[in-house]
């Protein structure tokens, strides 16, 4: 049985029982991808490895921000 067939069967059962319809397949894929990236960074921090990616970029931008020169 394919994912689409299972979804249609679940939707049919939910409608007959008066329950809310399940989310469509693939509706939350990007949220899962973002959460996996956050989880990977969390595990790296627990293991003592340096941060990579967006977190490291944000931290370096904060720490090494250019300060405006006086008189310019």
PDB file of N, CA and C in Angstrom:
ATOM      1  N   UNK A   1       0.856  -1.171   0.000  1.00  0.00           N
ATOM      2  CA  UNK A   1       0.000   0.000   0.000  1.00  0.00           C
ATOM      3  C   UNK A   1       0.901   1.234   0.000  1.00  0.00           C
ATOM      4  N   UNK A   2       0.584   2.183  -0.863  1.00  0.00           N
ATOM      5  CA  UNK A   2       1.401   3.391  -0.959  1.00  0.00           C
ATOM      6  C   UNK A   2       1.006   4.385   0.140  1.00  0.00           C
ATOM      7  N   UNK A   3       1.811   5.410   0.269  1.00  0.00           N
ATOM      8  CA  UNK A   3       1.539   6.444   1.266  1.00  0.00           C
ATOM      9  C   UNK A   3       0.224   7.150   0.952  1.00  0.00           C
ATOM     10  N   UNK A   4      -0.016   7.405  -0.310  1.00  0.00           N
ATOM     11  CA  UNK A   4      -1.249   8.089  -0.716  1.00  0.00           C
ATOM     12  C   UNK A   4      -2.472   7.252  -0.394  1.00  0.00           C
ATOM     13  N   UNK A   5      -2.403   5.956  -0.671  1.00  0.00           N
ATOM     14  CA  UNK A   5      -3.527   5.078  -0.361  1.00  0.00           C
ATOM     15  C   UNK A   5      -3.783   5.010   1.146  1.00  0.00           C
ATOM     16  N   UNK A   6      -2.713   4.936   1.935  1.00  0.00           N
ATOM     17  CA  UNK A   6      -2.868   4.912   3.390  1.00  0.00           C
ATOM     18  C   UNK A   6      -3.484   6.210   3.894  1.00  0.00           C
ATOM     19  N   UNK A   7      -3.045   7.333   3.327  1.00  0.00           N
ATOM     20  CA  UNK A   7      -3.599   8.633   3.718  1.00  0.00           C
ATOM     21  C   UNK A   7      -5.091   8.705   3.403  1.00  0.00           C
ATOM     22  N   UNK A   8      -5.468   8.258   2.217  1.00  0.00           N
ATOM     23  CA  UNK A   8      -6.888   8.280   1.844  1.00  0.00           C
ATOM     24  C   UNK A   8      -7.712   7.376   2.749  1.00  0.00           C
ATOM     25  N   UNK A   9      -7.172   6.221   3.102  1.00  0.00           N
ATOM     26  CA  UNK A   9      -7.873   5.314   4.016  1.00  0.00           C
ATOM     27  C   UNK A   9      -8.028   5.951   5.400  1.00  0.00           C
ATOM     28  N   UNK A  10      -6.961   6.580   5.910  1.00  0.00           N
ATOM     29  CA  UNK A  10      -7.034   7.240   7.216  1.00  0.00           C
ATOM     30  C   UNK A  10      -8.016   8.410   7.196  1.00  0.00           C
ATOM     31  N   UNK A  11      -8.038   9.160   6.097  1.00  0.00           N
ATOM     32  CA  UNK A  11      -8.970  10.275   5.966  1.00  0.00           C
ATOM     33  C   UNK A  11     -10.412   9.766   5.953  1.00  0.00           C
ATOM     34  N   UNK A  12     -10.640   8.687   5.237  1.00  0.00           N
ATOM     35  CA  UNK A  12     -11.984   8.087   5.176  1.00  0.00           C
ATOM     36  C   UNK A  12     -12.426   7.631   6.569  1.00  0.00           C
ATOM     37  N   UNK A  13     -11.549   6.934   7.287  1.00  0.00           N
ATOM     38  CA  UNK A  13     -11.894   6.461   8.636  1.00  0.00           C
ATOM     39  C   UNK A  13     -12.168   7.638   9.573  1.00  0.00           C
ATOM     40  N   UNK A  14     -11.341   8.673   9.492  1.00  0.00           N
ATOM     41  CA  UNK A  14     -11.527   9.834  10.368  1.00  0.00           C
ATOM     42  C   UNK A  14     -12.861  10.519  10.081  1.00  0.00           C
ATOM     43  N   UNK A  15     -13.203  10.639   8.819  1.00  0.00           N
ATOM     44  CA  UNK A  15     -14.467  11.278   8.451  1.00  0.00           C
ATOM     45  C   UNK A  15     -15.656  10.457   8.963  1.00  0.00           C
ATOM     46  N   UNK A  16     -15.570   9.142   8.856  1.00  0.00           N
ATOM     47  CA  UNK A  16     -16.675   8.282   9.322  1.00  0.00           C
ATOM     48  C   UNK A  16     -16.823   8.325  10.829  1.00  0.00           C
ATOM     49  N   UNK A  17     -15.693   8.469  11.558  1.00  0.00           N
ATOM     50  CA  UNK A  17     -15.735   8.504  13.018  1.00  0.00           C
ATOM     51  C   UNK A  17     -15.918   9.911  13.570  1.00  0.00           C
ATOM     52  N   UNK A  18     -15.915  10.916  12.692  1.00  0.00           N
ATOM     53  CA  UNK A  18     -16.100  12.289  13.143  1.00  0.00           C
ATOM     54  C   UNK A  18     -14.860  12.886  13.778  1.00  0.00           C
ATOM     55  N   UNK A  19     -13.715  12.365  13.457  1.00  0.00           N
ATOM     56  CA  UNK A  19     -12.445  12.860  13.999  1.00  0.00           C
ATOM     57  C   UNK A  19     -11.800  13.807  12.990  1.00  0.00           C
ATOM     58  N   UNK A  20     -10.838  14.622  13.446  1.00  0.00           N
ATOM     59  CA  UNK A  20     -10.146  15.502  12.496  1.00  0.00           C
ATOM     60  C   UNK A  20      -9.286  14.682  11.532  1.00  0.00           C
ATOM     61  N   UNK A  21      -9.156  15.186  10.317  1.00  0.00           N
ATOM     62  CA  UNK A  21      -8.373  14.485   9.295  1.00  0.00           C
ATOM     63  C   UNK A  21      -6.883  14.532   9.637  1.00  0.00           C
ATOM     64  N   UNK A  22      -6.149  13.479   9.322  1.00  0.00           N
ATOM     65  CA  UNK A  22      -4.704  13.487   9.574  1.00  0.00           C
ATOM     66  C   UNK A  22      -4.004  14.445   8.615  1.00  0.00           C
ATOM     67  N   UNK A  23      -2.805  14.907   8.976  1.00  0.00           N
ATOM     68  CA  UNK A  23      -2.084  15.801   8.059  1.00  0.00           C
ATOM     69  C   UNK A  23      -1.671  15.060   6.795  1.00  0.00           C
ATOM     70  N   UNK A  24      -1.621  15.791   5.703  1.00  0.00           N
ATOM     71  CA  UNK A  24      -1.237  15.189   4.427  1.00  0.00           C
ATOM     72  C   UNK A  24       0.227  14.742   4.475  1.00  0.00           C
ATOM     73  N   UNK A  25       0.572  13.699   3.730  1.00  0.00           N
ATOM     74  CA  UNK A  25       1.965  13.255   3.714  1.00  0.00           C
ATOM     75  C   UNK A  25       2.872  14.359   3.185  1.00  0.00           C
ATOM     76  N   UNK A  26       3.969  14.597   3.889  1.00  0.00           N
ATOM     77  CA  UNK A  26       4.922  15.618   3.470  1.00  0.00           C
ATOM     78  C   UNK A  26       4.606  17.000   3.986  1.00  0.00           C
ATOM     79  N   UNK A  27       3.558  17.148   4.801  1.00  0.00           N
ATOM     80  CA  UNK A  27       3.153  18.469   5.276  1.00  0.00           C
ATOM     81  C   UNK A  27       4.169  19.060   6.252  1.00  0.00           C
ATOM     82  N   UNK A  28       4.889  18.224   6.980  1.00  0.00           N
ATOM     83  CA  UNK A  28       5.800  18.709   8.012  1.00  0.00           C
ATOM     84  C   UNK A  28       7.251  18.326   7.724  1.00  0.00           C
ATOM     85  N   UNK A  29       7.587  18.074   6.476  1.00  0.00           N
ATOM     86  CA  UNK A  29       8.946  17.633   6.146  1.00  0.00           C
ATOM     87  C   UNK A  29       9.997  18.695   6.451  1.00  0.00           C
ATOM     88  N   UNK A  30       9.741  19.955   6.095  1.00  0.00           N
ATOM     89  CA  UNK A  30      10.745  21.001   6.326  1.00  0.00           C
ATOM     90  C   UNK A  30      10.928  21.254   7.809  1.00  0.00           C
ATOM     91  N   UNK A  31       9.878  21.150   8.580  1.00  0.00           N
ATOM     92  CA  UNK A  31      10.012  21.317  10.028  1.00  0.00           C
ATOM     93  C   UNK A  31      10.908  20.217  10.588  1.00  0.00           C
ATOM     94  N   UNK A  32      10.752  19.006  10.108  1.00  0.00           N
ATOM     95  CA  UNK A  32      11.590  17.900  10.556  1.00  0.00           C
ATOM     96  C   UNK A  32      13.046  18.131  10.181  1.00  0.00           C
ATOM     97  N   UNK A  33      13.306  18.635   8.998  1.00  0.00           N
ATOM     98  CA  UNK A  33      14.677  18.899   8.564  1.00  0.00           C
ATOM     99  C   UNK A  33      15.317  19.955   9.465  1.00  0.00           C
ATOM    100  N   UNK A  34      14.575  21.020   9.790  1.00  0.00           N
ATOM    101  CA  UNK A  34      15.103  22.060  10.681  1.00  0.00           C
ATOM    102  C   UNK A  34      15.380  21.498  12.070  1.00  0.00           C
ATOM    103  N   UNK A  35      14.482  20.675  12.581  1.00  0.00           N
ATOM    104  CA  UNK A  35      14.673  20.104  13.913  1.00  0.00           C
ATOM    105  C   UNK A  35      15.871  19.166  13.957  1.00  0.00           C
ATOM    106  N   UNK A  36      16.098  18.432  12.875  1.00  0.00           N
ATOM    107  CA  UNK A  36      17.259  17.537  12.837  1.00  0.00           C
ATOM    108  C   UNK A  36      18.565  18.333  12.863  1.00  0.00           C
ATOM    109  N   UNK A  37      18.600  19.479  12.183  1.00  0.00           N
ATOM    110  CA  UNK A  37      19.789  20.332  12.222  1.00  0.00           C
ATOM    111  C   UNK A  37      20.047  20.859  13.621  1.00  0.00           C
ATOM    112  N   UNK A  38      18.997  21.279  14.306  1.00  0.00           N
ATOM    113  CA  UNK A  38      19.131  21.751  15.681  1.00  0.00           C
ATOM    114  C   UNK A  38      19.577  20.643  16.608  1.00  0.00           C
ATOM    115  N   UNK A  39      19.065  19.449  16.384  1.00  0.00           N
ATOM    116  CA  UNK A  39      19.446  18.307  17.215  1.00  0.00           C
ATOM    117  C   UNK A  39      20.929  17.968  17.007  1.00  0.00           C
ATOM    118  N   UNK A  40      21.384  18.055  15.768  1.00  0.00           N
ATOM    119  CA  UNK A  40      22.794  17.776  15.458  1.00  0.00           C
ATOM    120  C   UNK A  40      23.706  18.794  16.158  1.00  0.00           C
ATOM    121  N   UNK A  41      23.327  20.073  16.150  1.00  0.00           N
ATOM    122  CA  UNK A  41      24.110  21.096  16.836  1.00  0.00           C
ATOM    123  C   UNK A  41      24.101  20.863  18.345  1.00  0.00           C
ATOM    124  N   UNK A  42      22.976  20.453  18.886  1.00  0.00           N
ATOM    125  CA  UNK A  42      22.867  20.174  20.318  1.00  0.00           C
ATOM    126  C   UNK A  42      23.779  19.027  20.719  1.00  0.00           C
ATOM    127  N   UNK A  43      23.777  17.956  19.925  1.00  0.00           N
ATOM    128  CA  UNK A  43      24.648  16.811  20.238  1.00  0.00           C
ATOM    129  C   UNK A  43      26.119  17.185  20.131  1.00  0.00           C
ATOM    130  N   UNK A  44      26.462  18.056  19.178  1.00  0.00           N
ATOM    131  CA  UNK A  44      27.841  18.513  19.042  1.00  0.00           C
ATOM    132  C   UNK A  44      28.255  19.327  20.269  1.00  0.00           C
ATOM    133  N   UNK A  45      27.356  20.165  20.768  1.00  0.00           N
ATOM    134  CA  UNK A  45      27.669  20.966  21.949  1.00  0.00           C
ATOM    135  C   UNK A  45      27.865  20.072  23.172  1.00  0.00           C
ATOM    136  N   UNK A  46      27.050  19.030  23.306  1.00  0.00           N
ATOM    137  CA  UNK A  46      27.207  18.108  24.426  1.00  0.00           C
ATOM    138  C   UNK A  46      28.532  17.353  24.356  1.00  0.00           C
ATOM    139  N   UNK A  47      28.971  17.050  23.132  1.00  0.00           N
ATOM    140  CA  UNK A  47      30.217  16.317  22.951  1.00  0.00           C
ATOM    141  C   UNK A  47      31.438  17.228  23.038  1.00  0.00           C
ATOM    142  N   UNK A  48      31.217  18.541  23.119  1.00  0.00           N
ATOM    143  CA  UNK A  48      32.327  19.471  23.244  1.00  0.00           C
ATOM    144  C   UNK A  48      32.932  19.892  21.916  1.00  0.00           C
ATOM    145  N   UNK A  49      32.259  19.593  20.817  1.00  0.00           N
ATOM    146  CA  UNK A  49      32.768  20.008  19.509  1.00  0.00           C
ATOM    147  C   UNK A  49      32.308  21.429  19.227  1.00  0.00           C
ATOM    148  N   UNK A  50      33.084  22.168  18.431  1.00  0.00           N
ATOM    149  CA  UNK A  50      32.683  23.553  18.131  1.00  0.00           C
ATOM    150  C   UNK A  50      31.431  23.606  17.271  1.00  0.00           C
ATOM    151  N   UNK A  51      30.715  24.706  17.409  1.00  0.00           N
ATOM    152  CA  UNK A  51      29.492  24.901  16.633  1.00  0.00           C
ATOM    153  C   UNK A  51      29.840  25.137  15.176  1.00  0.00           C
ATOM    154  N   UNK A  52      28.968  24.699  14.290  1.00  0.00           N
ATOM    155  CA  UNK A  52      29.143  24.910  12.851  1.00  0.00           C
ATOM    156  C   UNK A  52      27.866  25.464  12.278  1.00  0.00           C
ATOM    157  N   UNK A  53      27.963  26.008  11.104  1.00  0.00           N
ATOM    158  CA  UNK A  53      26.767  26.452  10.389  1.00  0.00           C
ATOM    159  C   UNK A  53      26.235  27.771  10.885  1.00  0.00           C
ATOM    160  N   UNK A  54      24.918  27.873  10.934  1.00  0.00           N
ATOM    161  CA  UNK A  54      24.267  29.140  11.254  1.00  0.00           C
ATOM    162  C   UNK A  54      24.591  29.622  12.655  1.00  0.00           C
ATOM    163  N   UNK A  55      24.683  28.705  13.618  1.00  0.00           N
ATOM    164  CA  UNK A  55      24.967  29.096  14.990  1.00  0.00           C
ATOM    165  C   UNK A  55      26.351  29.728  15.084  1.00  0.00           C
ATOM    166  N   UNK A  56      27.340  29.103  14.468  1.00  0.00           N
ATOM    167  CA  UNK A  56      28.698  29.639  14.505  1.00  0.00           C
ATOM    168  C   UNK A  56      28.767  30.990  13.802  1.00  0.00           C
ATOM    169  N   UNK A  57      28.073  31.132  12.690  1.00  0.00           N
ATOM    170  CA  UNK A  57      28.056  32.400  11.964  1.00  0.00           C
ATOM    171  C   UNK A  57      27.445  33.501  12.819  1.00  0.00           C
ATOM    172  N   UNK A  58      26.349  33.188  13.488  1.00  0.00           N
ATOM    173  CA  UNK A  58      25.686  34.180  14.338  1.00  0.00           C
ATOM    174  C   UNK A  58      26.587  34.588  15.498  1.00  0.00           C
ATOM    175  N   UNK A  59      27.252  33.628  16.109  1.00  0.00           N
ATOM    176  CA  UNK A  59      28.147  33.938  17.227  1.00  0.00           C
ATOM    177  C   UNK A  59      29.332  34.774  16.773  1.00  0.00           C
ATOM    178  N   UNK A  60      29.935  34.417  15.653  1.00  0.00           N
ATOM    179  CA  UNK A  60      31.085  35.183  15.181  1.00  0.00           C
ATOM    180  C   UNK A  60      30.670  36.590  14.765  1.00  0.00           C
ATOM    181  N   UNK A  61      29.483  36.738  14.203  1.00  0.00           N
ATOM    182  CA  UNK A  61      28.987  38.060  13.846  1.00  0.00           C
ATOM    183  C   UNK A  61      28.817  38.915  15.095  1.00  0.00           C
ATOM    184  N   UNK A  62      28.358  38.305  16.168  1.00  0.00           N
ATOM    185  CA  UNK A  62      28.172  39.021  17.431  1.00  0.00           C
ATOM    186  C   UNK A  62      29.508  39.397  18.066  1.00  0.00           C
ATOM    187  N   UNK A  63      30.429  38.423  18.093  1.00  0.00           N
ATOM    188  CA  UNK A  63      31.696  38.644  18.784  1.00  0.00           C
ATOM    189  C   UNK A  63      32.638  39.562  18.023  1.00  0.00           C
ATOM    190  N   UNK A  64      32.655  39.448  16.722  1.00  0.00           N
ATOM    191  CA  UNK A  64      33.620  40.181  15.916  1.00  0.00           C
ATOM    192  C   UNK A  64      32.965  41.249  15.057  1.00  0.00           C
ATOM    193  N   UNK A  65      31.895  41.842  15.553  1.00  0.00           N
ATOM    194  CA  UNK A  65      31.201  42.882  14.800  1.00  0.00           C
ATOM    195  C   UNK A  65      32.098  44.106  14.670  1.00  0.00           C
ATOM    196  N   UNK A  66      32.084  44.701  13.502  1.00  0.00           N
ATOM    197  CA  UNK A  66      32.889  45.914  13.293  1.00  0.00           C
ATOM    198  C   UNK A  66      32.255  47.069  14.023  1.00  0.00           C
ATOM    199  N   UNK A  67      33.066  47.750  14.751  1.00  0.00           N
ATOM    200  CA  UNK A  67      32.598  48.913  15.474  1.00  0.00           C
ATOM    201  C   UNK A  67      32.821  50.156  14.606  1.00  0.00           C
ATOM    202  N   UNK A  68      31.883  51.093  14.584  1.00  0.00           N
ATOM    203  CA  UNK A  68      32.106  52.303  13.791  1.00  0.00           C
ATOM    204  C   UNK A  68      33.272  53.112  14.346  1.00  0.00           C
ATOM    205  N   UNK A  69      34.069  53.655  13.453  1.00  0.00           N
ATOM    206  CA  UNK A  69      35.221  54.464  13.868  1.00  0.00           C
ATOM    207  C   UNK A  69      34.746  55.834  14.321  1.00  0.00           C
ATOM    208  N   UNK A  70      35.375  56.355  15.372  1.00  0.00           N
ATOM    209  CA  UNK A  70      34.973  57.696  15.826  1.00  0.00           C
ATOM    210  C   UNK A  70      35.399  58.750  14.793  1.00  0.00           C
ATOM    211  N   UNK A  71      34.530  59.688  14.540  1.00  0.00           N
ATOM    212  CA  UNK A  71      34.819  60.776  13.634  1.00  0.00           C
ATOM    213  C   UNK A  71      34.542  60.461  12.183  1.00  0.00           C
ATOM    214  N   UNK A  72      34.043  59.290  11.867  1.00  0.00           N
ATOM    215  CA  UNK A  72      33.758  58.955  10.467  1.00  0.00           C
ATOM    216  C   UNK A  72      32.285  58.965  10.208  1.00  0.00           C
TER     217      UNK A  72
END
